[in-house]
Amino acid sequence: MLTTKIEIIGNEPEKTYAQTVSLEHRKKYAQFFTPFIVAEFMSKWILGNEQLQTVLDPAFGLGIFARAIRQKNTHCFIKGFEIDETIFQEASAIFEQEQNTSVFLKDYMFNDWGNRYDGIICNPPYFKFHDYDNKTILKEIEENLGLKLNGFTNLYTLFLLKSAYQLNKNGRSAYIIPSEFLNSDYGKLVKLYLIENKLLRYIIVFDFEENVFDDALTTASILLFANDNEKSEVEFINVKSFDELQSLQSKIQTYPKSKVEKSFSFSELNPEIKWRAYYQKQNATRFKNLVPFSTYGKVVRGIATGANGYFTFNQSKAKEYSIDEKFLLPCITKAVDVNGAFFTKENFETLKKLDKNIFLFNACLPNRQATEQKGALSKYILKGEKEGVNKKYLTASRNPWYSLEKRPPSPIWVSVFNRNGLRFIRNEANISNLTTFHCIYLNLFSEPKVDLLFAYLLTDISKEIFNDNRREYGNGLHKFEPNDINKALMADLDKISKKDEEQILNLYYEYRKSELSGNANIDLLEKINNIFLMNFLI
C-alpha cells in the first residue's frame, strides 16, 4: 500500500499547539518541543542505518521526528507512544493519511519491552524524580534491565536506558536530553550502564547562549548510539549554534570513517566523575596545591519547610495571628534580601522594619508553652491543617508536621543559582536560611581560619575553580548542589605563609569595612586575589 508523504517540515504544528494549549498543560506533560533543525540532524543519524525498516519514537508528541524522517524515507514503519490524550489527538490528525505510522496512547515505560527497532529517536519528558511515579518505573527498569538505580534518577534517563536495550543489531538511536545527568550524582549508574553496553558513539553538548527549548530552563545534549562493532570510543563535541550543528552533518553521515577529534575509549571513561571534564577545559588544571573543599567543612542545603507560604512570617503576619516573636525563628527566606558579602544584625533589623518575611513559624520549642500563647499557636496550627499543609510532601513526613528541620545557623552561606560565579555571604547575624542558600559548616580545625577561608571564597580564583563543578541551565544560569561544592577543589590554605596570611587578612578586614560603609573597595579584593595567584598559579 502506498503511503502519503508528510509535507509539514518546520515547527508550525508545535507553534499552533503552544498557542492553543495552556502552558500549565504542557508543563504537566513536560512538553518542550524540539526545533525542526535539530530533529533533522537527529533523523539523519537514524537514516544512516542502511537496514532501517522499523523506527520507534517513545515520546511522540506531534511527530516532529517522524515528519523529519519522512522527508527522506517513506517506507519504514514508525511506531510512537504518547500519554497525553490532547496531543495524541492532534498527532493522529496530522498522520491520519500516513499508512506506515502508528501512534499508541500508552506509557512507553510500561509497554513494548519485547520489541527491538532499527532506529529509535526521542525527546523524552523532562521529569525529576518527584514529578513521576519513580518507584514503580525504577522497579520496571530493575526487572527488565537488572539495574538498581538511584531514587533521584530523572525520567528522561530511564527512557534512554530502555531505548538502548531495544536497539536491533546495527540499529541506531538519537536522543536529545538535558546534559544535567552527565554531571550529577544520580547519573553515575546511568553512565556506568552506557559504558558497559558500548553503544554510545557521540555526545554533542549545546553551549548556546539561549535555550534550545522554548519555556524550558535547561541545557541540552544529543546522544547518538549505534549497535555495531565499528567503534570502541565516545566522541565529545561542543556546539555553540545551530549553524555549527548543521556543519556536523557531513561528519555524522560519514560514520564510522569520520575524523575523530576529542574522543575517549570506554575504558577511559569514569562514571564517578562529572563528564564535563571530557568536553570542557577544567579551570583547576591551571593551579597547584589544591585540596577538596570538604577538607575545611561541609555544605548542606538550607531549611526546606515544604510550605513557605504557611511557615514564613513578617511582623504584620505575626501581629495578625498574635504569634509572639519567641515562637518565630529568624531566617533569610529570599536571596534578594541579602546584598553584599556580609550580612549583619543591623541588616536583619532593617529587613524587620521593612516588614520582610524573615521569620519561620517555630511552635516546637521545649519549655516555651506559655499559657497566653497556647491559643494563638493552636489556632495557627489548626489553620494549616484545614488548608492541607500537614499533608504536603515534606510536612507529612515530620512528627509533628509543623516542626522545622534541625539546621543550626551556619557561618557562611553560598548561593544555589548564579550567572557570575558562586556568591558567598558571611552570616554575621547568625540566623538561619531557607534553601535559597546552602549552609557551609566548618570543621573543628577550620573554625579558627574562617576569615582566611572567607577571604579566599571572595576571590576570582575560587569562583573559577568552583565553576568546574557547576550544573548548567539555560540562558547562562548555573546551579550548585551541596555535593558539587563539597567535592570541588580549592586552594590549600595551609600552603599560605604566615606573612601572606597576615597581608590577606589585613586586606580582607579593610574590604569588609569598606563594604559595610556602603563604598566597597573592589581593588582590595583584587589584591587578595593576586596574593592567591602568586601562591597557587602554575
Protein backbone atom coordinates (compact mmCIF):
# COMPACT_ATOMS: atom_id res chain seq x y z
CA MET A 1 0.00 0.00 0.00
CA LEU A 2 1.32 3.44 -0.90
CA THR A 3 1.92 5.94 1.88
CA THR A 4 1.25 9.67 1.74
CA LYS A 5 4.33 11.80 2.24
CA ILE A 6 4.02 14.22 5.15
CA GLU A 7 4.77 17.69 3.79
CA ILE A 8 4.97 19.57 7.12
CA ILE A 9 8.63 20.48 7.56
CA GLY A 10 9.10 23.10 10.31
CA ASN A 11 7.66 23.73 13.74
CA GLU A 12 4.27 25.07 12.65
CA PRO A 13 2.22 22.29 14.34
CA GLU A 14 4.16 22.82 17.58
CA LYS A 15 3.73 26.61 17.41
CA THR A 16 -0.01 26.29 16.82
CA TYR A 17 -0.33 23.77 19.65
CA ALA A 18 1.59 26.07 22.04
CA GLN A 19 -0.79 28.92 21.21
CA THR A 20 -3.93 26.88 21.79
CA VAL A 21 -2.94 24.66 24.72
CA SER A 22 -2.09 26.21 28.08
CA LEU A 23 1.48 26.33 29.40
CA GLU A 24 0.21 24.62 32.54
CA HIS A 25 -0.97 21.63 30.50
CA ARG A 26 2.29 21.46 28.54
CA LYS A 27 4.35 21.58 31.74
CA LYS A 28 2.19 18.87 33.28
CA TYR A 29 3.29 16.52 30.50
CA ALA A 30 6.78 18.06 30.13
CA GLN A 31 6.09 19.05 26.52
CA PHE A 32 9.09 21.03 25.31
CA PHE A 33 9.29 20.82 21.55
CA THR A 34 12.41 20.05 19.53
CA PRO A 35 13.44 22.66 16.93
CA PHE A 36 12.98 21.15 13.46
CA ILE A 37 16.61 21.81 12.56
CA VAL A 38 17.62 19.56 15.49
CA ALA A 39 15.05 16.93 14.54
CA GLU A 40 16.50 16.84 11.01
CA PHE A 41 20.02 16.39 12.35
CA MET A 42 18.98 13.52 14.61
CA SER A 43 16.88 11.84 11.92
CA LYS A 44 19.82 11.79 9.51
CA TRP A 45 21.77 9.74 12.04
CA ILE A 46 18.91 7.24 12.16
CA LEU A 47 18.62 7.23 8.36
CA GLY A 48 22.33 6.37 8.18
CA ASN A 49 21.35 2.79 9.04
CA GLU A 50 21.02 1.22 5.60
CA GLN A 51 18.93 -1.62 7.07
CA LEU A 52 16.34 0.79 8.53
CA GLN A 53 12.89 -0.79 8.48
CA THR A 54 11.45 -0.02 11.92
CA VAL A 55 11.63 3.21 13.90
CA LEU A 56 10.42 3.95 17.43
CA ASP A 57 9.64 7.34 18.97
CA PRO A 58 8.90 6.73 22.69
CA ALA A 59 7.57 10.27 23.29
CA PHE A 60 5.82 11.06 20.00
CA GLY A 61 4.31 14.48 20.69
CA LEU A 62 3.26 15.95 17.34
CA GLY A 63 5.61 13.66 15.45
CA ILE A 64 8.39 16.08 14.60
CA PHE A 65 10.91 13.24 14.23
CA ALA A 66 8.54 11.20 12.09
CA ARG A 67 7.97 14.26 9.88
CA ALA A 68 11.74 14.75 9.52
CA ILE A 69 12.31 11.07 8.69
CA ARG A 70 9.52 11.08 6.10
CA GLN A 71 11.36 13.70 4.05
CA LYS A 72 13.94 11.03 3.16
CA ASN A 73 12.23 7.71 3.85
CA THR A 74 8.55 7.00 3.18
CA HIS A 75 8.55 3.22 3.56
CA CYS A 76 9.98 2.45 7.03
CA PHE A 77 7.45 1.67 9.77
CA ILE A 78 7.31 4.26 12.57
CA LYS A 79 5.77 3.49 15.96
CA GLY A 80 5.11 6.14 18.58
CA PHE A 81 3.96 6.25 22.20
CA GLU A 82 2.20 9.16 23.87
CA ILE A 83 0.45 9.54 27.26
CA ASP A 84 -1.31 12.89 26.75
CA GLU A 85 -4.65 12.40 25.03
CA THR A 86 -4.78 16.05 23.90
CA ILE A 87 -1.56 15.91 21.89
CA PHE A 88 -2.32 12.34 20.83
CA GLN A 89 -5.49 13.53 19.06
CA GLU A 90 -3.55 16.33 17.34
CA ALA A 91 -0.84 13.93 16.18
CA SER A 92 -3.39 11.39 14.96
CA ALA A 93 -4.95 14.09 12.78
CA ILE A 94 -1.56 15.02 11.28
CA PHE A 95 -0.74 11.40 10.44
CA GLU A 96 -4.22 10.09 9.59
CA GLN A 97 -3.26 9.54 5.92
CA GLU A 98 0.12 8.07 6.83
CA GLN A 99 -0.22 4.29 6.50
CA ASN A 100 3.20 3.38 7.90
CA THR A 101 2.96 5.38 11.12
CA SER A 102 1.13 4.15 14.24
CA VAL A 103 0.85 6.07 17.49
CA PHE A 104 -0.37 4.45 20.72
CA LEU A 105 -1.91 6.22 23.70
CA LYS A 106 0.19 4.27 26.19
CA ASP A 107 3.08 4.83 28.61
CA TYR A 108 6.29 3.73 26.89
CA MET A 109 7.96 2.78 30.15
CA PHE A 110 5.39 0.07 30.86
CA ASN A 111 4.95 -1.27 27.31
CA ASP A 112 6.78 -2.75 24.35
CA TRP A 113 9.71 -4.29 26.23
CA GLY A 114 9.77 -7.31 23.92
CA ASN A 115 10.33 -5.41 20.66
CA ARG A 116 13.55 -4.27 19.01
CA TYR A 117 14.00 -1.47 16.46
CA ASP A 118 16.42 -0.42 13.72
CA GLY A 119 16.08 3.20 14.77
CA ILE A 120 14.97 4.91 17.97
CA ILE A 121 14.66 8.69 18.15
CA CYS A 122 13.32 10.70 21.05
CA ASN A 123 12.94 13.90 23.04
CA PRO A 124 11.76 12.28 26.30
CA PRO A 125 9.78 14.05 29.04
CA TYR A 126 11.97 16.02 31.41
CA PHE A 127 10.57 14.94 34.78
CA LYS A 128 12.54 14.99 38.02
CA PHE A 129 12.17 12.09 40.46
CA HIS A 130 9.38 13.75 42.46
CA ASP A 131 7.31 14.55 39.35
CA TYR A 132 6.52 10.96 38.37
CA ASP A 133 5.86 7.53 39.91
CA ASN A 134 9.57 6.84 40.16
CA LYS A 135 9.35 3.80 42.47
CA THR A 136 7.15 1.87 40.03
CA ILE A 137 9.21 2.79 36.97
CA LEU A 138 12.52 2.09 38.73
CA LYS A 139 11.14 -1.35 39.60
CA GLU A 140 10.28 -1.84 35.91
CA ILE A 141 13.86 -0.94 34.95
CA GLU A 142 15.31 -3.24 37.59
CA GLU A 143 13.18 -6.19 36.49
CA ASN A 144 13.93 -5.79 32.78
CA LEU A 145 17.49 -4.47 32.74
CA GLY A 146 18.79 -5.75 36.07
CA LEU A 147 19.72 -2.18 37.04
CA LYS A 148 19.10 -0.82 40.53
CA LEU A 149 19.19 2.94 40.10
CA ASN A 150 19.30 5.93 42.42
CA GLY A 151 15.85 7.07 43.58
CA PHE A 152 16.66 10.61 42.40
CA THR A 153 17.06 9.50 38.78
CA ASN A 154 15.23 11.71 36.30
CA LEU A 155 12.70 10.10 33.97
CA TYR A 156 14.43 11.08 30.73
CA THR A 157 17.43 8.87 31.54
CA LEU A 158 15.12 5.90 32.13
CA PHE A 159 13.71 6.39 28.63
CA LEU A 160 17.29 6.47 27.36
CA LEU A 161 18.27 3.21 29.06
CA LYS A 162 15.22 1.34 27.84
CA SER A 163 15.79 2.51 24.26
CA ALA A 164 19.43 1.42 24.34
CA TYR A 165 18.17 -2.02 25.36
CA GLN A 166 15.71 -2.09 22.44
CA LEU A 167 18.19 -1.45 19.62
CA ASN A 168 18.43 -4.11 16.90
CA LYS A 169 21.77 -5.30 15.59
CA ASN A 170 23.22 -2.38 13.57
CA GLY A 171 20.40 -0.23 14.94
CA ARG A 172 20.89 3.45 15.73
CA SER A 173 19.41 5.71 18.36
CA ALA A 174 19.33 9.50 18.78
CA TYR A 175 18.22 11.19 21.99
CA ILE A 176 18.04 14.88 22.87
CA ILE A 177 18.09 15.30 26.64
CA PRO A 178 19.28 17.75 29.31
CA SER A 179 23.02 17.43 29.87
CA GLU A 180 22.45 17.52 33.64
CA PHE A 181 22.85 13.78 34.17
CA LEU A 182 26.39 13.90 32.75
CA ASN A 183 27.44 15.88 35.83
CA SER A 184 25.06 14.73 38.58
CA ASP A 185 25.30 12.16 41.35
CA TYR A 186 22.28 10.16 40.18
CA GLY A 187 23.83 9.96 36.70
CA LYS A 188 26.74 7.77 37.82
CA LEU A 189 24.86 4.48 37.43
CA VAL A 190 23.37 5.64 34.13
CA LYS A 191 26.84 6.48 32.79
CA LEU A 192 28.17 3.14 34.02
CA TYR A 193 25.47 1.34 32.01
CA LEU A 194 26.31 3.37 28.90
CA ILE A 195 29.98 2.46 29.30
CA GLU A 196 29.26 -1.24 29.80
CA ASN A 197 26.90 -1.69 26.83
CA LYS A 198 29.36 0.13 24.50
CA LEU A 199 26.64 1.55 22.21
CA LEU A 200 27.29 5.25 22.74
CA ARG A 201 29.16 6.94 19.87
CA TYR A 202 28.73 10.72 20.19
CA ILE A 203 27.79 13.19 22.94
CA ILE A 204 27.02 16.58 21.43
CA VAL A 205 26.67 19.27 24.09
CA PHE A 206 24.85 22.51 23.29
CA ASP A 207 26.73 25.53 24.59
CA PHE A 208 24.15 28.04 23.40
CA GLU A 209 23.65 31.45 24.99
CA GLU A 210 19.92 30.92 24.52
CA ASN A 211 17.69 27.97 25.44
CA VAL A 212 17.32 25.21 22.86
CA PHE A 213 13.74 24.63 24.04
CA ASP A 214 11.14 27.36 24.45
CA ASP A 215 9.78 27.71 28.03
CA ALA A 216 12.37 25.26 29.41
CA LEU A 217 15.16 26.34 31.73
CA THR A 218 17.62 23.63 30.81
CA THR A 219 20.63 22.87 28.70
CA ALA A 220 20.59 20.14 26.09
CA SER A 221 22.74 17.43 24.62
CA ILE A 222 22.31 14.94 21.78
CA LEU A 223 23.41 11.36 22.39
CA LEU A 224 23.93 9.15 19.34
CA PHE A 225 24.09 5.35 19.67
CA ALA A 226 24.96 2.54 17.26
CA ASN A 227 24.62 -1.18 17.97
CA ASP A 228 27.61 -2.16 15.86
CA ASN A 229 31.24 -3.04 16.44
CA GLU A 230 32.64 -0.14 14.45
CA LYS A 231 33.89 1.99 17.37
CA SER A 232 35.24 1.46 20.87
CA GLU A 233 35.22 5.10 21.89
CA VAL A 234 32.94 8.05 22.53
CA GLU A 235 33.48 11.41 20.88
CA PHE A 236 32.52 14.60 22.74
CA ILE A 237 31.55 17.62 20.67
CA ASN A 238 30.58 21.14 21.77
CA VAL A 239 28.33 23.23 19.53
CA LYS A 240 27.62 26.91 20.08
CA SER A 241 24.97 27.49 17.40
CA PHE A 242 22.56 25.77 15.05
CA ASP A 243 24.99 26.56 12.23
CA GLU A 244 27.69 24.55 13.99
CA LEU A 245 25.23 21.70 14.46
CA GLN A 246 24.46 21.69 10.74
CA SER A 247 28.16 21.68 9.92
CA LEU A 248 28.42 18.36 11.82
CA GLN A 249 26.11 16.68 9.29
CA SER A 250 28.91 15.57 6.99
CA LYS A 251 30.89 14.17 9.91
CA ILE A 252 27.93 12.17 11.24
CA GLN A 253 26.96 10.91 7.79
CA THR A 254 30.45 9.51 7.12
CA TYR A 255 30.46 7.47 10.34
CA PRO A 256 32.38 5.26 11.07
CA LYS A 257 35.05 6.75 8.79
CA SER A 258 34.67 10.30 10.05
CA LYS A 259 37.69 12.04 11.58
CA VAL A 260 37.79 11.57 15.34
CA GLU A 261 38.74 14.55 17.49
CA LYS A 262 38.03 14.71 21.26
CA SER A 263 37.35 11.05 21.97
CA PHE A 264 37.76 8.64 24.88
CA SER A 265 37.70 4.86 24.91
CA PHE A 266 35.07 3.18 27.05
CA SER A 267 37.81 2.03 29.40
CA GLU A 268 38.95 5.64 29.88
CA LEU A 269 35.51 6.96 30.80
CA ASN A 270 34.94 7.24 34.54
CA PRO A 271 31.27 7.17 35.63
CA GLU A 272 32.20 8.53 39.07
CA ILE A 273 33.29 11.96 37.83
CA LYS A 274 31.46 14.81 36.14
CA TRP A 275 31.76 14.22 32.41
CA ARG A 276 32.21 17.93 31.85
CA ALA A 277 35.90 17.08 32.23
CA TYR A 278 35.70 15.33 28.84
CA TYR A 279 34.19 18.19 26.87
CA GLN A 280 35.18 21.39 28.67
CA LYS A 281 38.57 22.62 29.79
CA GLN A 282 38.95 22.33 33.56
CA ASN A 283 39.98 25.56 35.28
CA ALA A 284 41.63 23.71 38.17
CA THR A 285 44.39 22.45 35.86
CA ARG A 286 45.90 25.95 35.94
CA PHE A 287 46.58 25.78 39.66
CA LYS A 288 48.72 23.77 42.09
CA ASN A 289 48.32 22.63 45.71
CA LEU A 290 44.57 22.17 45.59
CA VAL A 291 42.52 20.12 48.07
CA PRO A 292 38.84 19.12 48.24
CA PHE A 293 36.59 21.75 49.76
CA SER A 294 35.47 19.07 52.25
CA THR A 295 38.91 19.46 53.86
CA TYR A 296 37.57 22.56 55.58
CA GLY A 297 33.91 21.88 56.08
CA LYS A 298 30.64 20.59 54.74
CA VAL A 299 27.95 22.14 52.59
CA VAL A 300 24.30 21.21 53.16
CA ARG A 301 21.13 22.75 51.81
CA GLY A 302 19.15 25.31 53.76
CA ILE A 303 15.91 24.64 55.63
CA ALA A 304 13.12 23.20 53.48
CA THR A 305 9.70 23.91 55.00
CA GLY A 306 7.57 22.23 52.34
CA ALA A 307 5.13 25.16 52.52
CA ASN A 308 6.89 28.53 52.61
CA GLY A 309 3.64 30.47 52.36
CA TYR A 310 2.49 28.96 55.64
CA PHE A 311 5.76 28.91 57.60
CA THR A 312 7.23 32.31 56.65
CA PHE A 313 6.29 35.37 58.69
CA ASN A 314 6.86 39.08 58.76
CA GLN A 315 5.93 41.37 61.66
CA SER A 316 2.50 42.16 60.18
CA LYS A 317 1.59 38.48 59.87
CA ALA A 318 2.82 37.80 63.40
CA LYS A 319 0.58 40.59 64.68
CA GLU A 320 -2.38 39.33 62.61
CA TYR A 321 -2.18 35.85 64.14
CA SER A 322 -0.98 37.01 67.58
CA ILE A 323 2.22 34.93 67.37
CA ASP A 324 4.87 36.07 69.82
CA GLU A 325 8.34 36.60 68.32
CA LYS A 326 9.83 33.95 70.61
CA PHE A 327 7.91 31.41 68.52
CA LEU A 328 9.44 32.74 65.32
CA LEU A 329 12.86 31.66 64.03
CA PRO A 330 14.90 34.47 62.42
CA CYS A 331 15.61 33.28 58.89
CA ILE A 332 16.54 34.58 55.44
CA THR A 333 13.84 33.39 53.05
CA LYS A 334 14.85 35.13 49.80
CA ALA A 335 18.24 35.73 48.22
CA VAL A 336 17.23 39.25 47.12
CA ASP A 337 17.03 40.28 50.78
CA VAL A 338 20.79 39.86 51.11
CA ASN A 339 23.06 42.42 49.47
CA GLY A 340 26.81 42.21 49.55
CA ALA A 341 29.14 39.68 51.11
CA PHE A 342 28.36 40.40 54.78
CA PHE A 343 25.01 40.03 56.49
CA THR A 344 24.95 41.71 59.91
CA LYS A 345 22.49 42.06 62.78
CA GLU A 346 21.88 45.61 61.56
CA ASN A 347 20.91 44.24 58.13
CA PHE A 348 18.46 41.90 59.80
CA GLU A 349 16.88 44.72 61.82
CA THR A 350 16.50 46.77 58.63
CA LEU A 351 14.61 43.92 56.93
CA LYS A 352 12.47 43.58 60.04
CA LYS A 353 11.48 47.24 59.88
CA LEU A 354 10.70 46.87 56.17
CA ASP A 355 8.25 44.09 57.13
CA LYS A 356 10.06 41.45 55.09
CA ASN A 357 9.43 37.74 55.55
CA ILE A 358 12.39 37.00 57.83
CA PHE A 359 10.87 34.56 60.32
CA LEU A 360 9.70 30.93 60.35
CA PHE A 361 6.82 29.63 62.45
CA ASN A 362 8.56 27.64 65.18
CA ALA A 363 5.99 26.22 67.60
CA CYS A 364 8.02 23.13 68.61
CA LEU A 365 10.19 24.70 71.27
CA PRO A 366 10.80 22.98 74.63
CA ASN A 367 9.78 24.77 77.82
CA ARG A 368 8.01 27.52 75.95
CA GLN A 369 4.40 26.53 76.29
CA ALA A 370 3.38 29.94 77.58
CA THR A 371 -0.25 29.85 78.66
CA GLU A 372 -1.08 33.08 76.88
CA GLN A 373 0.33 31.76 73.58
CA LYS A 374 -1.21 28.29 73.52
CA GLY A 375 -4.42 29.52 72.00
CA ALA A 376 -2.77 31.50 69.20
CA LEU A 377 -0.32 28.71 68.35
CA SER A 378 -3.04 26.05 68.34
CA LYS A 379 -5.26 28.23 66.18
CA TYR A 380 -2.50 28.74 63.59
CA ILE A 381 -1.64 25.04 63.56
CA LEU A 382 -5.33 24.23 63.04
CA LYS A 383 -5.39 26.73 60.17
CA GLY A 384 -2.57 24.79 58.47
CA GLU A 385 -4.43 21.51 58.87
CA LYS A 386 -7.61 22.98 57.39
CA GLU A 387 -5.56 24.15 54.37
CA GLY A 388 -3.93 20.72 53.99
CA VAL A 389 -0.43 21.97 54.76
CA ASN A 390 0.09 18.95 57.02
CA LYS A 391 -0.44 16.61 54.04
CA LYS A 392 2.23 18.08 51.75
CA TYR A 393 5.23 16.03 50.65
CA LEU A 394 7.66 17.23 53.32
CA THR A 395 5.32 18.10 56.18
CA ALA A 396 3.61 14.70 56.03
CA SER A 397 6.93 13.02 56.92
CA ARG A 398 7.50 15.09 60.08
CA ASN A 399 6.26 14.49 63.59
CA PRO A 400 4.65 16.81 64.39
CA TRP A 401 4.10 18.08 60.87
CA TYR A 402 4.72 21.73 61.81
CA SER A 403 8.20 21.05 63.26
CA LEU A 404 11.17 22.59 61.47
CA GLU A 405 14.25 20.78 60.19
CA LYS A 406 17.16 20.78 62.63
CA ARG A 407 19.52 23.13 60.86
CA PRO A 408 21.61 25.49 63.05
CA PRO A 409 22.75 28.81 61.60
CA SER A 410 25.92 28.43 59.54
CA PRO A 411 28.78 30.96 59.48
CA ILE A 412 28.79 31.15 55.68
CA TRP A 413 26.03 30.97 53.07
CA VAL A 414 26.53 30.17 49.41
CA SER A 415 24.17 30.82 46.51
CA VAL A 416 22.34 27.96 44.80
CA PHE A 417 21.84 29.62 41.40
CA ASN A 418 24.14 32.16 39.79
CA ARG A 419 25.22 33.63 36.48
CA ASN A 420 28.51 35.23 37.51
CA GLY A 421 30.14 32.68 39.76
CA LEU A 422 29.29 31.49 43.25
CA ARG A 423 28.20 34.10 45.75
CA PHE A 424 29.36 33.65 49.35
CA ILE A 425 27.90 35.55 52.32
CA ARG A 426 29.36 35.82 55.81
CA ASN A 427 26.44 35.24 58.18
CA GLU A 428 27.47 37.61 60.95
CA ALA A 429 23.87 37.90 62.14
CA ASN A 430 23.98 34.18 63.00
CA ILE A 431 20.48 33.46 61.68
CA SER A 432 19.01 30.57 59.71
CA ASN A 433 18.27 30.38 55.98
CA LEU A 434 15.87 28.61 53.63
CA THR A 435 17.01 26.69 50.57
CA THR A 436 17.64 29.94 48.73
CA PHE A 437 21.18 29.48 50.10
CA HIS A 438 23.25 26.44 51.05
CA CYS A 439 24.85 26.33 54.51
CA ILE A 440 28.61 25.99 54.98
CA TYR A 441 29.63 24.45 58.31
CA LEU A 442 33.33 24.44 59.17
CA ASN A 443 35.02 21.54 60.90
CA LEU A 444 36.75 21.95 64.25
CA PHE A 445 40.18 22.55 62.69
CA SER A 446 38.92 25.14 60.22
CA GLU A 447 36.87 27.36 62.51
CA PRO A 448 39.94 29.44 63.54
CA LYS A 449 40.62 30.04 59.82
CA VAL A 450 37.11 31.25 58.97
CA ASP A 451 38.25 34.76 57.97
CA LEU A 452 41.09 33.46 55.79
CA LEU A 453 38.74 30.95 54.18
CA PHE A 454 36.09 33.58 53.53
CA ALA A 455 38.70 35.94 52.07
CA TYR A 456 39.62 33.17 49.63
CA LEU A 457 35.98 32.48 48.78
CA LEU A 458 35.57 36.11 47.70
CA THR A 459 38.32 35.83 45.08
CA ASP A 460 38.01 35.22 41.35
CA ILE A 461 40.33 32.22 41.71
CA SER A 462 37.89 30.42 43.99
CA LYS A 463 34.96 31.06 41.65
CA GLU A 464 36.97 29.96 38.63
CA ILE A 465 37.91 26.63 40.21
CA PHE A 466 34.43 26.01 41.64
CA ASN A 467 32.99 26.52 38.15
CA ASP A 468 34.45 23.15 37.12
CA ASN A 469 31.68 21.56 39.22
CA ARG A 470 28.75 23.69 38.12
CA ARG A 471 25.49 22.44 36.64
CA GLU A 472 24.30 24.38 33.63
CA TYR A 473 20.80 25.54 32.84
CA GLY A 474 19.53 27.74 30.02
CA ASN A 475 20.49 31.37 29.45
CA GLY A 476 23.81 31.10 31.28
CA LEU A 477 22.27 30.09 34.60
CA HIS A 478 24.43 27.84 36.77
CA LYS A 479 23.45 25.76 39.77
CA PHE A 480 25.46 24.14 42.55
CA GLU A 481 24.11 21.33 44.70
CA PRO A 482 25.81 20.86 48.10
CA ASN A 483 27.92 17.92 46.89
CA ASP A 484 29.05 19.90 43.85
CA ILE A 485 30.83 22.22 46.28
CA ASN A 486 31.86 19.53 48.78
CA LYS A 487 33.68 17.66 46.00
CA ALA A 488 35.11 20.74 44.33
CA LEU A 489 38.74 21.76 44.66
CA MET A 490 40.13 24.83 46.37
CA ALA A 491 43.46 26.28 47.44
CA ASP A 492 45.20 24.51 50.32
CA LEU A 493 45.25 27.31 52.90
CA ASP A 494 48.00 25.55 54.85
CA LYS A 495 50.36 26.38 51.97
CA ILE A 496 49.98 30.11 52.68
CA SER A 497 52.92 31.61 54.56
CA LYS A 498 52.28 33.49 57.80
CA LYS A 499 53.37 36.69 56.11
CA ASP A 500 50.94 36.28 53.20
CA GLU A 501 48.16 35.20 55.55
CA GLU A 502 48.62 38.35 57.60
CA GLN A 503 48.55 40.51 54.48
CA ILE A 504 45.41 38.76 53.18
CA LEU A 505 43.60 39.23 56.48
CA ASN A 506 44.53 42.94 56.70
CA LEU A 507 43.18 43.50 53.17
CA TYR A 508 40.08 41.43 53.99
CA TYR A 509 39.26 43.46 57.11
CA GLU A 510 39.71 46.65 55.10
CA TYR A 511 37.39 45.34 52.40
CA ARG A 512 34.76 44.33 54.96
CA LYS A 513 34.89 47.81 56.48
CA SER A 514 34.56 49.47 53.04
CA GLU A 515 31.60 47.32 52.01
CA LEU A 516 29.70 47.85 55.26
CA SER A 517 30.24 51.59 54.91
CA GLY A 518 28.46 51.44 51.56
CA ASN A 519 31.52 52.02 49.39
CA ALA A 520 33.01 48.60 48.62
CA ASN A 521 36.64 48.86 47.51
CA ILE A 522 36.97 46.19 44.80
CA ASP A 523 40.69 46.95 44.44
CA LEU A 524 41.24 45.30 47.82
CA LEU A 525 39.66 42.07 46.55
CA GLU A 526 41.91 42.21 43.52
CA LYS A 527 44.97 42.47 45.77
CA ILE A 528 43.78 39.45 47.78
CA ASN A 529 43.24 37.56 44.52
CA ASN A 530 46.76 38.42 43.35
CA ILE A 531 48.32 37.01 46.53
CA PHE A 532 46.48 33.73 45.98
CA LEU A 533 47.56 33.78 42.32
CA MET A 534 51.21 34.13 43.31
CA ASN A 535 50.86 31.16 45.66
CA PHE A 536 48.79 28.77 43.55
CA LEU A 537 49.05 29.59 39.84
CA ILE A 538 51.21 27.05 37.99
